[in-house]
Amino acid sequence: MQGGNGMADENLDEHFVELVSSVSHANGVFRITLAQQVESGTSRPITRLLIPANQLQAVLRGVADGANEIREKLKSQAADTAGKDAAASAKKKPASKAAAKK
């Protein structure tokens, strides 16, 4: 998922959120309140997303698609690293004659 407007991205507010604390709908707009967990086991609202109802599906799909793309990249990187580690390990440890006979 490609995003961003270059310099404009640098000026965005960023909020660390851990959960969705509430979702409501009124006048054709979904209001999604995002929160952080606090020590007492409760949550503290951090920010609220306002999404037009007719755009909610596209927004959620965009988030899901972006997350899936990142997951696939990480999975591919992990497989590449494991393959390189296995190749390096095989080069460092030549097979013994006893292992070769088995």
N, C-alpha and C. Protein backbone atom coordinates (compact mmCIF):
# COMPACT_ATOMS: atom_id res chain seq x y z
N MET A 1 0.84 -1.16 0.00
CA MET A 1 0.00 0.00 0.00
C MET A 1 0.89 1.23 0.00
N GLN A 2 0.80 2.02 -1.00
CA GLN A 2 1.58 3.23 -1.10
C GLN A 2 0.79 4.37 -0.49
N GLY A 3 1.45 5.21 0.21
CA GLY A 3 0.74 6.33 0.80
C GLY A 3 1.62 7.54 0.85
N GLY A 4 1.01 8.60 1.22
CA GLY A 4 1.80 9.75 1.56
C GLY A 4 1.89 10.80 0.49
N ASN A 5 2.09 11.98 0.98
CA ASN A 5 2.28 13.14 0.15
C ASN A 5 3.64 13.74 0.42
N GLY A 6 4.60 12.91 0.80
CA GLY A 6 5.93 13.42 1.05
C GLY A 6 5.98 14.33 2.27
N MET A 7 6.21 15.60 2.04
CA MET A 7 6.36 16.57 3.12
C MET A 7 5.11 16.68 3.98
N ALA A 8 3.94 16.55 3.39
CA ALA A 8 2.70 16.69 4.16
C ALA A 8 2.61 15.65 5.27
N ASP A 9 3.14 14.45 5.05
CA ASP A 9 3.12 13.39 6.05
C ASP A 9 3.91 13.79 7.31
N GLU A 10 4.93 14.60 7.15
CA GLU A 10 5.76 14.97 8.28
C GLU A 10 5.02 15.85 9.28
N ASN A 11 3.94 16.50 8.86
CA ASN A 11 3.22 17.42 9.72
C ASN A 11 1.98 16.81 10.35
N LEU A 12 1.75 15.51 10.18
CA LEU A 12 0.57 14.86 10.72
C LEU A 12 0.73 14.62 12.22
N ASP A 13 -0.38 14.76 12.95
CA ASP A 13 -0.38 14.38 14.36
C ASP A 13 -0.32 12.86 14.42
N GLU A 14 0.43 12.34 15.36
CA GLU A 14 0.52 10.89 15.56
C GLU A 14 0.04 10.56 16.96
N HIS A 15 -0.72 9.47 17.07
CA HIS A 15 -1.27 9.04 18.35
C HIS A 15 -1.04 7.55 18.49
N PHE A 16 -0.47 7.13 19.61
CA PHE A 16 -0.30 5.71 19.90
C PHE A 16 -1.60 5.20 20.51
N VAL A 17 -2.25 4.25 19.82
CA VAL A 17 -3.51 3.70 20.31
C VAL A 17 -3.39 2.19 20.44
N GLU A 18 -4.15 1.64 21.38
CA GLU A 18 -4.11 0.20 21.63
C GLU A 18 -5.45 -0.47 21.44
N LEU A 19 -6.52 0.32 21.38
CA LEU A 19 -7.83 -0.30 21.24
C LEU A 19 -8.86 0.69 20.73
N VAL A 20 -9.95 0.12 20.25
CA VAL A 20 -11.12 0.91 19.87
C VAL A 20 -12.02 0.94 21.10
N SER A 21 -12.25 2.14 21.64
CA SER A 21 -13.06 2.21 22.86
C SER A 21 -14.54 2.38 22.57
N SER A 22 -14.88 2.97 21.42
CA SER A 22 -16.30 3.07 21.07
C SER A 22 -16.47 3.36 19.59
N VAL A 23 -17.61 2.94 19.09
CA VAL A 23 -18.01 3.23 17.70
C VAL A 23 -19.46 3.68 17.75
N SER A 24 -19.73 4.80 17.12
CA SER A 24 -21.11 5.27 17.05
C SER A 24 -21.39 5.80 15.65
N HIS A 25 -22.65 6.02 15.36
CA HIS A 25 -23.05 6.50 14.05
C HIS A 25 -24.17 7.52 14.22
N ALA A 26 -24.03 8.65 13.59
CA ALA A 26 -25.08 9.66 13.58
C ALA A 26 -24.91 10.54 12.35
N ASN A 27 -26.02 10.90 11.74
CA ASN A 27 -26.01 11.82 10.59
C ASN A 27 -25.08 11.37 9.47
N GLY A 28 -25.01 10.05 9.23
CA GLY A 28 -24.21 9.53 8.14
C GLY A 28 -22.71 9.50 8.38
N VAL A 29 -22.30 9.65 9.65
CA VAL A 29 -20.87 9.67 9.98
C VAL A 29 -20.60 8.68 11.11
N PHE A 30 -19.61 7.81 10.90
CA PHE A 30 -19.16 6.92 11.97
C PHE A 30 -18.13 7.67 12.80
N ARG A 31 -18.25 7.53 14.11
CA ARG A 31 -17.29 8.12 15.04
C ARG A 31 -16.62 6.96 15.78
N ILE A 32 -15.33 6.81 15.54
CA ILE A 32 -14.57 5.71 16.12
C ILE A 32 -13.57 6.31 17.09
N THR A 33 -13.76 6.02 18.37
CA THR A 33 -12.87 6.55 19.40
C THR A 33 -11.79 5.52 19.69
N LEU A 34 -10.55 5.96 19.56
CA LEU A 34 -9.38 5.10 19.79
C LEU A 34 -8.76 5.50 21.13
N ALA A 35 -8.25 4.51 21.85
CA ALA A 35 -7.78 4.76 23.21
C ALA A 35 -6.49 4.02 23.51
N GLN A 36 -5.92 4.37 24.66
CA GLN A 36 -4.77 3.67 25.23
C GLN A 36 -5.23 3.02 26.52
N GLN A 37 -4.62 1.89 26.84
CA GLN A 37 -4.89 1.27 28.13
C GLN A 37 -4.04 1.97 29.18
N VAL A 38 -4.61 2.13 30.36
CA VAL A 38 -3.87 2.74 31.45
C VAL A 38 -3.67 1.71 32.55
N GLU A 39 -2.83 2.02 33.50
CA GLU A 39 -2.41 1.05 34.52
C GLU A 39 -3.57 0.41 35.27
N SER A 40 -4.61 1.13 35.53
CA SER A 40 -5.72 0.60 36.33
C SER A 40 -6.60 -0.37 35.55
N GLY A 41 -6.22 -0.68 34.33
CA GLY A 41 -7.01 -1.60 33.52
C GLY A 41 -8.13 -0.92 32.75
N THR A 42 -8.20 0.38 32.84
CA THR A 42 -9.20 1.13 32.09
C THR A 42 -8.54 1.72 30.85
N SER A 43 -9.33 2.40 30.06
CA SER A 43 -8.78 3.01 28.86
C SER A 43 -8.94 4.53 28.91
N ARG A 44 -8.06 5.20 28.17
CA ARG A 44 -8.09 6.66 28.08
C ARG A 44 -8.25 7.02 26.61
N PRO A 45 -9.35 7.70 26.23
CA PRO A 45 -9.54 8.10 24.84
C PRO A 45 -8.39 9.00 24.37
N ILE A 46 -7.93 8.74 23.16
CA ILE A 46 -6.80 9.49 22.61
C ILE A 46 -7.23 10.36 21.43
N THR A 47 -8.01 9.76 20.53
CA THR A 47 -8.45 10.49 19.34
C THR A 47 -9.73 9.87 18.80
N ARG A 48 -10.42 10.60 17.96
CA ARG A 48 -11.65 10.08 17.36
C ARG A 48 -11.55 10.25 15.84
N LEU A 49 -11.82 9.17 15.14
CA LEU A 49 -11.89 9.21 13.68
C LEU A 49 -13.33 9.49 13.28
N LEU A 50 -13.53 10.39 12.34
CA LEU A 50 -14.84 10.66 11.77
C LEU A 50 -14.81 10.19 10.33
N ILE A 51 -15.59 9.18 10.02
CA ILE A 51 -15.57 8.57 8.69
C ILE A 51 -16.98 8.59 8.11
N PRO A 52 -17.16 9.17 6.92
CA PRO A 52 -18.48 9.13 6.29
C PRO A 52 -18.93 7.68 6.13
N ALA A 53 -20.18 7.41 6.42
CA ALA A 53 -20.70 6.04 6.37
C ALA A 53 -20.45 5.39 5.02
N ASN A 54 -20.58 6.15 3.94
CA ASN A 54 -20.39 5.57 2.61
C ASN A 54 -18.92 5.28 2.30
N GLN A 55 -18.00 5.70 3.16
CA GLN A 55 -16.57 5.44 2.97
C GLN A 55 -16.00 4.46 3.97
N LEU A 56 -16.81 4.03 4.95
CA LEU A 56 -16.29 3.17 6.01
C LEU A 56 -15.68 1.88 5.47
N GLN A 57 -16.38 1.22 4.57
CA GLN A 57 -15.88 -0.04 4.04
C GLN A 57 -14.54 0.15 3.33
N ALA A 58 -14.41 1.21 2.54
CA ALA A 58 -13.16 1.47 1.83
C ALA A 58 -12.02 1.78 2.79
N VAL A 59 -12.31 2.53 3.84
CA VAL A 59 -11.28 2.86 4.83
C VAL A 59 -10.81 1.59 5.55
N LEU A 60 -11.75 0.78 6.00
CA LEU A 60 -11.39 -0.46 6.70
C LEU A 60 -10.64 -1.41 5.78
N ARG A 61 -11.06 -1.50 4.52
CA ARG A 61 -10.36 -2.35 3.55
C ARG A 61 -8.94 -1.83 3.34
N GLY A 62 -8.78 -0.52 3.28
CA GLY A 62 -7.44 0.06 3.11
C GLY A 62 -6.52 -0.28 4.26
N VAL A 63 -7.03 -0.22 5.48
CA VAL A 63 -6.23 -0.59 6.65
C VAL A 63 -5.87 -2.07 6.60
N ALA A 64 -6.87 -2.91 6.30
CA ALA A 64 -6.64 -4.37 6.24
C ALA A 64 -5.65 -4.70 5.12
N ASP A 65 -5.80 -4.10 3.96
CA ASP A 65 -4.89 -4.36 2.85
C ASP A 65 -3.46 -3.93 3.19
N GLY A 66 -3.32 -2.77 3.82
CA GLY A 66 -1.99 -2.30 4.22
C GLY A 66 -1.35 -3.25 5.22
N ALA A 67 -2.13 -3.70 6.20
CA ALA A 67 -1.61 -4.63 7.21
C ALA A 67 -1.21 -5.96 6.57
N ASN A 68 -2.02 -6.45 5.63
CA ASN A 68 -1.70 -7.71 4.95
C ASN A 68 -0.43 -7.58 4.11
N GLU A 69 -0.27 -6.43 3.46
CA GLU A 69 0.93 -6.21 2.64
C GLU A 69 2.18 -6.20 3.53
N ILE A 70 2.10 -5.54 4.66
CA ILE A 70 3.23 -5.50 5.59
C ILE A 70 3.52 -6.90 6.12
N ARG A 71 2.47 -7.64 6.47
CA ARG A 71 2.64 -9.02 6.98
C ARG A 71 3.35 -9.88 5.95
N GLU A 72 2.95 -9.78 4.69
CA GLU A 72 3.58 -10.57 3.63
C GLU A 72 5.04 -10.18 3.44
N LYS A 73 5.35 -8.90 3.51
CA LYS A 73 6.74 -8.45 3.38
C LYS A 73 7.59 -9.00 4.53
N LEU A 74 7.06 -8.93 5.75
CA LEU A 74 7.80 -9.45 6.91
C LEU A 74 7.99 -10.95 6.80
N LYS A 75 6.96 -11.64 6.33
CA LYS A 75 7.05 -13.09 6.15
C LYS A 75 8.12 -13.43 5.11
N SER A 76 8.15 -12.68 4.03
CA SER A 76 9.14 -12.90 2.98
C SER A 76 10.55 -12.60 3.49
N GLN A 77 10.69 -11.52 4.25
CA GLN A 77 11.99 -11.17 4.81
C GLN A 77 12.47 -12.25 5.79
N ALA A 78 11.56 -12.79 6.59
CA ALA A 78 11.92 -13.84 7.55
C ALA A 78 12.36 -15.09 6.81
N ALA A 79 11.66 -15.43 5.72
CA ALA A 79 12.03 -16.61 4.94
C ALA A 79 13.40 -16.41 4.28
N ASP A 80 13.66 -15.20 3.76
CA ASP A 80 14.95 -14.89 3.15
C ASP A 80 16.07 -15.00 4.19
N THR A 81 15.83 -14.48 5.37
CA THR A 81 16.83 -14.53 6.44
C THR A 81 17.09 -15.97 6.86
N ALA A 82 16.03 -16.76 7.01
CA ALA A 82 16.18 -18.16 7.40
C ALA A 82 16.96 -18.93 6.33
N GLY A 83 16.69 -18.65 5.06
CA GLY A 83 17.40 -19.31 3.98
C GLY A 83 18.87 -18.94 3.96
N LYS A 84 19.18 -17.68 4.19
CA LYS A 84 20.57 -17.23 4.22
C LYS A 84 21.30 -17.83 5.42
N ASP A 85 20.60 -17.88 6.58
CA ASP A 85 21.21 -18.47 7.78
C ASP A 85 21.51 -19.95 7.57
N ALA A 86 20.59 -20.66 6.93
CA ALA A 86 20.78 -22.09 6.68
C ALA A 86 21.95 -22.30 5.71
N ALA A 87 22.04 -21.46 4.69
CA ALA A 87 23.13 -21.58 3.72
C ALA A 87 24.48 -21.27 4.38
N ALA A 88 24.50 -20.24 5.22
CA ALA A 88 25.74 -19.89 5.91
C ALA A 88 26.14 -20.99 6.87
N SER A 89 25.18 -21.57 7.55
CA SER A 89 25.45 -22.65 8.49
C SER A 89 25.99 -23.88 7.76
N ALA A 90 25.43 -24.18 6.60
CA ALA A 90 25.88 -25.34 5.82
C ALA A 90 27.31 -25.15 5.33
N LYS A 91 27.69 -23.91 4.98
CA LYS A 91 29.04 -23.64 4.52
C LYS A 91 30.05 -23.76 5.66
N LYS A 92 29.65 -23.38 6.88
CA LYS A 92 30.54 -23.40 8.02
C LYS A 92 30.75 -24.80 8.57
N LYS A 93 29.77 -25.68 8.43
CA LYS A 93 29.83 -27.01 9.01
C LYS A 93 29.82 -28.07 7.90
N PRO A 94 31.00 -28.47 7.44
CA PRO A 94 31.01 -29.53 6.42
C PRO A 94 30.50 -30.84 7.03
N ALA A 95 29.81 -31.60 6.24
CA ALA A 95 29.24 -32.87 6.70
C ALA A 95 30.38 -33.83 7.04
N SER A 96 30.24 -34.53 8.15
CA SER A 96 31.25 -35.53 8.53
C SER A 96 31.06 -36.76 7.68
N LYS A 97 32.06 -37.62 7.63
CA LYS A 97 31.97 -38.85 6.84
C LYS A 97 30.90 -39.76 7.41
N ALA A 98 30.74 -39.79 8.72
CA ALA A 98 29.72 -40.64 9.34
C ALA A 98 28.33 -40.17 8.98
N ALA A 99 28.14 -38.86 8.95
CA ALA A 99 26.82 -38.31 8.61
C ALA A 99 26.52 -38.56 7.15
N ALA A 100 27.54 -38.50 6.31
CA ALA A 100 27.34 -38.70 4.89
C ALA A 100 26.95 -40.14 4.59
N LYS A 101 27.40 -41.12 5.39
CA LYS A 101 27.09 -42.54 5.14
C LYS A 101 25.66 -42.90 5.53
N LYS A 102 25.03 -42.11 6.42
CA LYS A 102 23.68 -42.43 6.90
C LYS A 102 22.63 -42.24 5.87
